[in-house]
Amino acid sequence: MAQRMTPAQLIDAIRHFYGDTSRSKEQTKDALQEAQEEISTLLEALASDEV
């Protein structure tokens, strides 16, 4: 069974991704925006489950 990721580990992974200089700034920005959209979608789904 996979180990659960903690919120701190999630934030660390995002920061590591941001700090990876093997991508261009544009590639990093695009990927982070894609992740932001996914997170927003998941948050909306959780909010709709509460109703």
C-alpha atoms as a PDB file:
ATOM      1  CA  MET A   1       0.000   0.000   0.000  1.00  0.00           C
ATOM      2  CA  ALA A   2       1.297   3.465  -0.884  1.00  0.00           C
ATOM      3  CA  GLN A   3       2.194   5.841   1.898  1.00  0.00           C
ATOM      4  CA  ARG A   4      -0.122   8.838   2.294  1.00  0.00           C
ATOM      5  CA  MET A   5       1.275  12.186   1.164  1.00  0.00           C
ATOM      6  CA  THR A   6       1.063  14.876   3.800  1.00  0.00           C
ATOM      7  CA  PRO A   7       0.096  18.470   2.998  1.00  0.00           C
ATOM      8  CA  ALA A   8       3.702  19.501   3.755  1.00  0.00           C
ATOM      9  CA  GLN A   9       4.999  16.920   1.259  1.00  0.00           C
ATOM     10  CA  LEU A  10       2.597  18.220  -1.378  1.00  0.00           C
ATOM     11  CA  ILE A  11       3.830  21.793  -0.875  1.00  0.00           C
ATOM     12  CA  ASP A  12       7.457  20.596  -0.928  1.00  0.00           C
ATOM     13  CA  ALA A  13       6.817  18.793  -4.233  1.00  0.00           C
ATOM     14  CA  ILE A  14       5.354  21.958  -5.747  1.00  0.00           C
ATOM     15  CA  ARG A  15       8.320  24.023  -4.539  1.00  0.00           C
ATOM     16  CA  HIS A  16      10.753  21.428  -5.888  1.00  0.00           C
ATOM     17  CA  PHE A  17       8.988  21.512  -9.253  1.00  0.00           C
ATOM     18  CA  TYR A  18       9.126  25.323  -9.256  1.00  0.00           C
ATOM     19  CA  GLY A  19      12.832  25.331  -8.452  1.00  0.00           C
ATOM     20  CA  ASP A  20      13.790  22.808 -11.144  1.00  0.00           C
ATOM     21  CA  THR A  21      15.853  24.802 -13.649  1.00  0.00           C
ATOM     22  CA  SER A  22      15.796  22.082 -16.320  1.00  0.00           C
ATOM     23  CA  ARG A  23      12.590  23.655 -17.681  1.00  0.00           C
ATOM     24  CA  SER A  24      12.136  27.144 -19.057  1.00  0.00           C
ATOM     25  CA  LYS A  25      10.209  29.688 -17.007  1.00  0.00           C
ATOM     26  CA  GLU A  26       7.404  29.450 -19.557  1.00  0.00           C
ATOM     27  CA  GLN A  27       7.206  25.648 -19.225  1.00  0.00           C
ATOM     28  CA  THR A  28       7.179  25.920 -15.440  1.00  0.00           C
ATOM     29  CA  LYS A  29       4.488  28.599 -15.535  1.00  0.00           C
ATOM     30  CA  ASP A  30       2.317  26.574 -17.922  1.00  0.00           C
ATOM     31  CA  ALA A  31       2.630  23.428 -15.813  1.00  0.00           C
ATOM     32  CA  LEU A  32       1.859  25.262 -12.568  1.00  0.00           C
ATOM     33  CA  GLN A  33      -1.202  26.853 -14.176  1.00  0.00           C
ATOM     34  CA  GLU A  34      -2.358  23.408 -15.289  1.00  0.00           C
ATOM     35  CA  ALA A  35      -1.877  22.123 -11.737  1.00  0.00           C
ATOM     36  CA  GLN A  36      -3.762  25.140 -10.382  1.00  0.00           C
ATOM     37  CA  GLU A  37      -6.705  24.378 -12.671  1.00  0.00           C
ATOM     38  CA  GLU A  38      -6.722  20.748 -11.523  1.00  0.00           C
ATOM     39  CA  ILE A  39      -6.610  21.781  -7.864  1.00  0.00           C
ATOM     40  CA  SER A  40      -9.455  24.259  -8.430  1.00  0.00           C
ATOM     41  CA  THR A  41     -11.544  21.533 -10.062  1.00  0.00           C
ATOM     42  CA  LEU A  42     -10.905  19.171  -7.158  1.00  0.00           C
ATOM     43  CA  LEU A  43     -11.749  21.859  -4.590  1.00  0.00           C
ATOM     44  CA  GLU A  44     -15.001  22.625  -6.408  1.00  0.00           C
ATOM     45  CA  ALA A  45     -15.869  18.924  -6.400  1.00  0.00           C
ATOM     46  CA  LEU A  46     -15.270  18.738  -2.655  1.00  0.00           C
ATOM     47  CA  ALA A  47     -17.399  21.842  -2.080  1.00  0.00           C
ATOM     48  CA  SER A  48     -20.268  20.400  -4.133  1.00  0.00           C
ATOM     49  CA  ASP A  49     -20.103  17.190  -2.081  1.00  0.00           C
ATOM     50  CA  GLU A  50     -20.772  19.248   1.071  1.00  0.00           C
ATOM     51  CA  VAL A  51     -24.131  20.522  -0.146  1.00  0.00           C
END
